[in-house]
Each structure stands twice: as C-alpha cells, then as structure tokens.
Amino acid sequence: MEANMPKRKEPGKSLRIKVISMGNAEVGKSCIIKRYCEKRFVSKYLATIGIDYGVTKVQVRDREIKVNIFDMAGHPFFYEVRNEFYKDTQGVILVYDVGQKDSFDALDAWLAEMKHDLGPHGNMENIVFAVCANKTFYVSIVDLCENGGKRPVPNSSASFTKEQADTIRRIRNSKDSWDMLGVKPGASRDEVNKAYRKLAVLLHPDKCVAPGSEDAFKAVVNARTALLKNIK
C-alpha cells in the first residue's frame, strides 16, 4: 500500500532577491530598512559606514521569498565600497528627505552612478525602482515643535576614548598607506578592507568627536582607495 500512496508535494524552494537603497547621507535609508526587516523604529541612527545589510522573508502565494536589502552609505567617501554592490540588483529604493530639496535633486546623480558602475553591458531596464519620500513626520512635528524648525545640534561636550585619540595620532604619524591602515605591505584585499572597516567604525566623524577625527577618517579612506588600486 505504501507504494501506491501519493507523494507529498515539496514546498517551493525559497527565492532570493537583492534590493539596494540609494540616496544622500542622513535621508533615513537605514531607518526604513530597520523598520521593514526588524519591524521596529529607531528614532536616532548613526550614519552607515560603507554597507549595512538587512534581510526579511515574505510569502507570495506558495513561494517564500528572502529579501536581501543592502543599505548603501550615502557619503561620497564610501563610493569605493558601494560601487561593488550594484551588480545583480533586482530592486532599488531611492530615498530622499522631504526637508532637503537637494536630496531629491540628487536622485538623478545616484541613478547615473549606478548606470556608470554597471558598465556598458549592465541592464537597468529589468530593475524595479521605487522613490521613497522620508522624514515627513520628523520635519513637520519634531523639528518644528522641539527645535524651532532647525536640525538638532550635536552635543559638543561629548567625550571620546583614549583609543580614538591614540589612533588619530598614529595615523598622523604614518609613513605610508600600509602603515596608516595597520597592515603589512602586500596584504590582500580582504585584509585591507578588514583593517579599513575597523578604523572607519572607530573614527567616523558622526561617531567620534576627538579632535582631528574628520581628517584622520579622510586619510584612512584615501589610503584604502590607493592600496586597492594596486591589489589584483
């Protein structure tokens, strides 16, 4: 009798799709992704360093779909990081801040960057694009009522760690790009990127208020760019 029993229908294999977010720094891309993937809202969010990542599952008919969202840092410093993530994209969220017209005007430049990095053989016609207007509530209520319509001013009295101060001092005294990132000459791309990410987290001006952090951060970005150009 077992031989005549009908076979159970195998569930459809999970489908994975890749979505990226694009837009200027501080327009709220990370908050949107956090809300969608983790179902929670974060009112204050530190600037994304390089690339952040979120994943969630949705059910479409009988097929489970894993939505992988790559949160692209909006600061120009991170172009050399994000330009590697444009390929194989199925969806794009273009985000702008309703309180900053220039962030809306910049969306054309973001599309141009993506088209450039996909190259002559890249196809954007099959990618789904969605424009997202963000911070409508924040601009109309929080800024207006709590801060007189102005953006909150960072706390200038915030402290910094000895590690941050020592790292900035070391970068200033570095003899070359290898020394600046703290890697040995001839290090691999992975080693360079790992050292860069560690320093970027430590020194990003949005997270570090130590004197010289911005110049040190720029120096680290430039060092990484210079080294990766010569590593195959």
Protein backbone atom coordinates (compact mmCIF):
# COMPACT_ATOMS: atom_id res chain seq x y z
CA MET A 1 0.00 0.00 0.00
CA GLU A 2 2.87 2.35 0.70
CA ALA A 3 3.94 2.11 -2.92
CA ASN A 4 0.55 3.44 -4.05
CA MET A 5 0.46 6.38 -1.66
CA PRO A 6 0.70 9.77 -3.44
CA LYS A 7 3.91 11.66 -2.91
CA ARG A 8 3.79 14.77 -0.79
CA LYS A 9 4.16 17.97 -2.70
CA GLU A 10 7.53 19.52 -2.00
CA PRO A 11 7.35 23.16 -0.96
CA GLY A 12 8.73 25.62 -3.47
CA LYS A 13 12.35 26.50 -2.99
CA SER A 14 12.95 29.91 -1.40
CA LEU A 15 13.61 32.66 -3.88
CA ARG A 16 16.26 35.25 -3.04
CA ILE A 17 16.11 38.79 -4.35
CA LYS A 18 18.57 41.63 -3.95
CA VAL A 19 17.42 45.17 -3.19
CA ILE A 20 19.66 48.18 -2.58
CA SER A 21 18.92 51.57 -1.07
CA MET A 22 20.36 54.75 -2.58
CA GLY A 23 20.25 58.37 -1.54
CA ASN A 24 22.22 61.12 0.15
CA ALA A 25 23.65 60.71 3.63
CA GLU A 26 21.20 61.16 6.51
CA VAL A 27 17.99 60.90 4.48
CA GLY A 28 16.91 57.94 6.62
CA LYS A 29 17.68 54.88 4.48
CA SER A 30 18.81 52.78 7.44
CA CYS A 31 15.70 53.60 9.50
CA ILE A 32 13.42 52.49 6.67
CA ILE A 33 15.26 49.20 6.25
CA LYS A 34 15.36 48.58 10.01
CA ARG A 35 11.60 49.16 10.18
CA TYR A 36 10.91 46.80 7.29
CA CYS A 37 13.30 43.99 8.24
CA GLU A 38 13.08 44.09 12.05
CA LYS A 39 9.60 45.62 12.46
CA ARG A 40 10.85 48.33 14.78
CA PHE A 41 11.51 52.04 14.51
CA VAL A 42 14.79 53.65 15.52
CA SER A 43 14.41 57.38 16.14
CA LYS A 44 18.14 58.09 16.20
CA TYR A 45 20.52 56.30 13.88
CA LEU A 46 24.26 56.67 13.33
CA ALA A 47 25.45 57.15 9.78
CA THR A 48 26.05 53.97 7.80
CA ILE A 49 29.71 53.13 7.28
CA GLY A 50 30.21 51.58 3.85
CA ILE A 51 27.43 48.99 3.54
CA ASP A 52 24.85 47.76 6.01
CA TYR A 53 22.63 44.75 5.49
CA GLY A 54 19.12 43.64 6.31
CA VAL A 55 17.10 40.55 5.43
CA THR A 56 13.47 39.54 5.82
CA LYS A 57 11.11 36.90 4.48
CA VAL A 58 7.83 37.44 2.66
CA GLN A 59 5.31 34.94 1.36
CA VAL A 60 4.00 35.32 -2.19
CA ARG A 61 1.38 32.65 -2.96
CA ASP A 62 3.13 29.36 -2.11
CA ARG A 63 6.66 30.70 -2.50
CA GLU A 64 8.83 32.05 0.30
CA ILE A 65 10.97 34.98 -0.79
CA LYS A 66 14.06 36.14 1.08
CA VAL A 67 14.51 39.86 0.56
CA ASN A 68 18.14 40.87 0.98
CA ILE A 69 18.50 44.64 1.33
CA PHE A 70 21.88 46.31 1.04
CA ASP A 71 21.92 49.72 2.69
CA MET A 72 24.36 51.90 0.72
CA ALA A 73 26.19 54.60 2.64
CA GLY A 74 25.30 57.97 1.14
CA HIS A 75 28.55 59.80 1.87
CA PRO A 76 30.90 60.31 -1.14
CA PHE A 77 33.73 58.84 0.96
CA PHE A 78 32.19 55.39 0.54
CA TYR A 79 31.95 55.30 -3.26
CA GLU A 80 34.80 52.79 -3.47
CA VAL A 81 32.86 50.49 -1.14
CA ARG A 82 29.37 50.71 -2.57
CA ASN A 83 30.33 50.56 -6.25
CA GLU A 84 30.88 46.81 -5.87
CA PHE A 85 27.26 46.19 -4.84
CA TYR A 86 25.33 47.46 -7.87
CA LYS A 87 25.61 44.23 -9.86
CA ASP A 88 22.83 41.61 -9.78
CA THR A 89 20.31 44.03 -8.27
CA GLN A 90 16.58 43.35 -8.77
CA GLY A 91 15.18 46.34 -6.89
CA VAL A 92 16.24 49.84 -5.85
CA ILE A 93 14.81 52.14 -3.17
CA LEU A 94 15.64 55.77 -3.94
CA VAL A 95 15.26 57.73 -0.70
CA TYR A 96 15.14 61.48 -0.16
CA ASP A 97 14.44 63.76 2.80
CA VAL A 98 11.32 65.91 2.27
CA GLY A 99 13.00 68.67 4.26
CA GLN A 100 16.03 68.79 1.95
CA LYS A 101 15.29 69.58 -1.70
CA ASP A 102 18.86 68.87 -2.72
CA SER A 103 18.45 65.25 -1.57
CA PHE A 104 15.60 64.89 -4.09
CA ASP A 105 17.54 66.62 -6.84
CA ALA A 106 20.46 64.24 -6.18
CA LEU A 107 18.47 61.13 -7.13
CA ASP A 108 19.39 61.61 -10.80
CA ALA A 109 23.06 61.57 -9.83
CA TRP A 110 22.55 58.34 -7.89
CA LEU A 111 20.97 56.69 -10.91
CA ALA A 112 23.84 57.93 -13.07
CA GLU A 113 26.36 56.44 -10.62
CA MET A 114 24.63 53.08 -10.76
CA LYS A 115 24.48 53.12 -14.57
CA HIS A 116 28.17 54.00 -14.74
CA ASP A 117 29.23 51.22 -12.38
CA LEU A 118 27.11 48.59 -14.12
CA GLY A 119 29.11 49.35 -17.25
CA PRO A 120 28.12 49.17 -20.93
CA HIS A 121 26.73 45.65 -20.53
CA GLY A 122 24.64 46.44 -17.48
CA ASN A 123 20.87 46.43 -17.91
CA MET A 124 18.73 48.73 -15.75
CA GLU A 125 15.51 48.08 -17.65
CA ASN A 126 14.70 44.93 -15.65
CA ILE A 127 15.30 46.58 -12.26
CA VAL A 128 12.31 47.83 -10.26
CA PHE A 129 12.84 51.36 -8.89
CA ALA A 130 10.81 52.92 -6.08
CA VAL A 131 11.13 56.53 -4.88
CA CYS A 132 10.60 56.97 -1.15
CA ALA A 133 9.89 60.35 0.49
CA ASN A 134 11.15 60.18 4.07
CA LYS A 135 11.01 62.19 7.32
CA THR A 136 7.59 63.74 6.70
CA PHE A 137 6.62 63.37 10.37
CA TYR A 138 10.07 64.27 11.66
CA VAL A 139 10.24 67.51 9.72
CA SER A 140 6.72 68.70 10.45
CA ILE A 141 6.49 67.78 14.14
CA VAL A 142 9.83 67.11 15.82
CA ASP A 143 11.86 69.88 14.19
CA LEU A 144 9.07 72.41 14.35
CA CYS A 145 7.96 71.82 17.94
CA GLU A 146 11.12 70.77 19.72
CA ASN A 147 13.85 72.70 17.96
CA GLY A 148 12.27 75.75 16.38
CA GLY A 149 12.33 74.24 12.89
CA LYS A 150 16.10 73.64 12.99
CA ARG A 151 18.07 70.43 12.92
CA PRO A 152 19.31 69.30 16.36
CA VAL A 153 22.84 70.49 17.12
CA PRO A 154 25.30 67.71 18.06
CA ASN A 155 26.47 67.70 21.64
CA SER A 156 29.86 69.40 21.53
CA SER A 157 30.66 68.23 25.07
CA ALA A 158 30.55 64.55 24.12
CA SER A 159 33.62 62.59 25.18
CA PHE A 160 35.94 60.38 23.18
CA THR A 161 38.08 57.39 24.06
CA LYS A 162 41.82 57.07 24.50
CA GLU A 163 41.83 54.52 21.68
CA GLN A 164 40.31 57.07 19.29
CA ALA A 165 42.80 59.75 20.29
CA ASP A 166 45.77 57.35 20.01
CA THR A 167 44.58 56.09 16.62
CA ILE A 168 44.27 59.63 15.24
CA ARG A 169 47.80 60.39 16.49
CA ARG A 170 49.15 57.21 14.89
CA ILE A 171 47.52 57.99 11.54
CA ARG A 172 49.04 61.48 11.54
CA ASN A 173 52.48 59.95 12.03
CA SER A 174 52.08 57.13 9.50
CA LYS A 175 54.80 56.85 6.88
CA ASP A 176 52.61 55.37 4.11
CA SER A 177 49.16 53.92 3.34
CA TRP A 178 50.10 50.44 4.60
CA ASP A 179 51.22 51.88 7.90
CA MET A 180 48.13 54.06 8.11
CA LEU A 181 45.78 51.07 7.89
CA GLY A 182 48.00 48.99 10.13
CA VAL A 183 48.58 46.20 7.60
CA LYS A 184 51.80 44.74 6.23
CA PRO A 185 52.91 45.67 2.68
CA GLY A 186 51.50 43.15 0.23
CA ALA A 187 48.37 42.46 2.30
CA SER A 188 45.33 41.04 0.47
CA ARG A 189 42.17 42.97 -0.45
CA ASP A 190 40.30 41.27 2.37
CA GLU A 191 42.96 42.26 4.89
CA VAL A 192 42.94 45.86 3.67
CA ASN A 193 39.14 46.05 3.77
CA LYS A 194 39.00 44.47 7.23
CA ALA A 195 41.51 47.00 8.61
CA TYR A 196 39.65 49.84 6.90
CA ARG A 197 36.26 48.86 8.34
CA LYS A 198 37.69 48.68 11.84
CA LEU A 199 39.19 52.17 11.56
CA ALA A 200 36.08 53.58 9.86
CA VAL A 201 33.87 52.43 12.74
CA LEU A 202 36.29 53.91 15.25
CA LEU A 203 36.87 57.28 13.55
CA HIS A 204 33.74 58.18 11.60
CA PRO A 205 33.03 61.87 12.37
CA ASP A 206 29.42 61.04 13.22
CA LYS A 207 30.63 58.70 15.96
CA CYS A 208 33.95 60.22 17.01
CA VAL A 209 34.27 63.75 18.38
CA ALA A 210 38.00 63.56 19.06
CA PRO A 211 39.98 66.47 17.55
CA GLY A 212 41.23 65.55 14.08
CA SER A 213 38.80 62.68 13.58
CA GLU A 214 37.47 64.01 10.28
CA ASP A 215 40.93 64.47 8.75
CA ALA A 216 42.02 61.05 10.05
CA PHE A 217 38.91 59.44 8.61
CA LYS A 218 39.51 61.03 5.20
CA ALA A 219 43.12 59.87 5.30
CA VAL A 220 42.01 56.29 6.02
CA VAL A 221 39.52 56.36 3.12
CA ASN A 222 42.20 57.68 0.75
CA ALA A 223 44.70 55.08 1.98
CA ARG A 224 42.28 52.24 1.31
CA THR A 225 41.49 53.57 -2.17
CA ALA A 226 45.18 53.90 -3.04
CA LEU A 227 46.03 50.38 -1.88
CA LEU A 228 43.11 48.64 -3.59
CA LYS A 229 44.07 50.20 -6.93
CA ASN A 230 47.33 48.26 -6.83
CA ILE A 231 45.95 44.96 -5.50
CA LYS A 232 44.64 42.49 -8.03
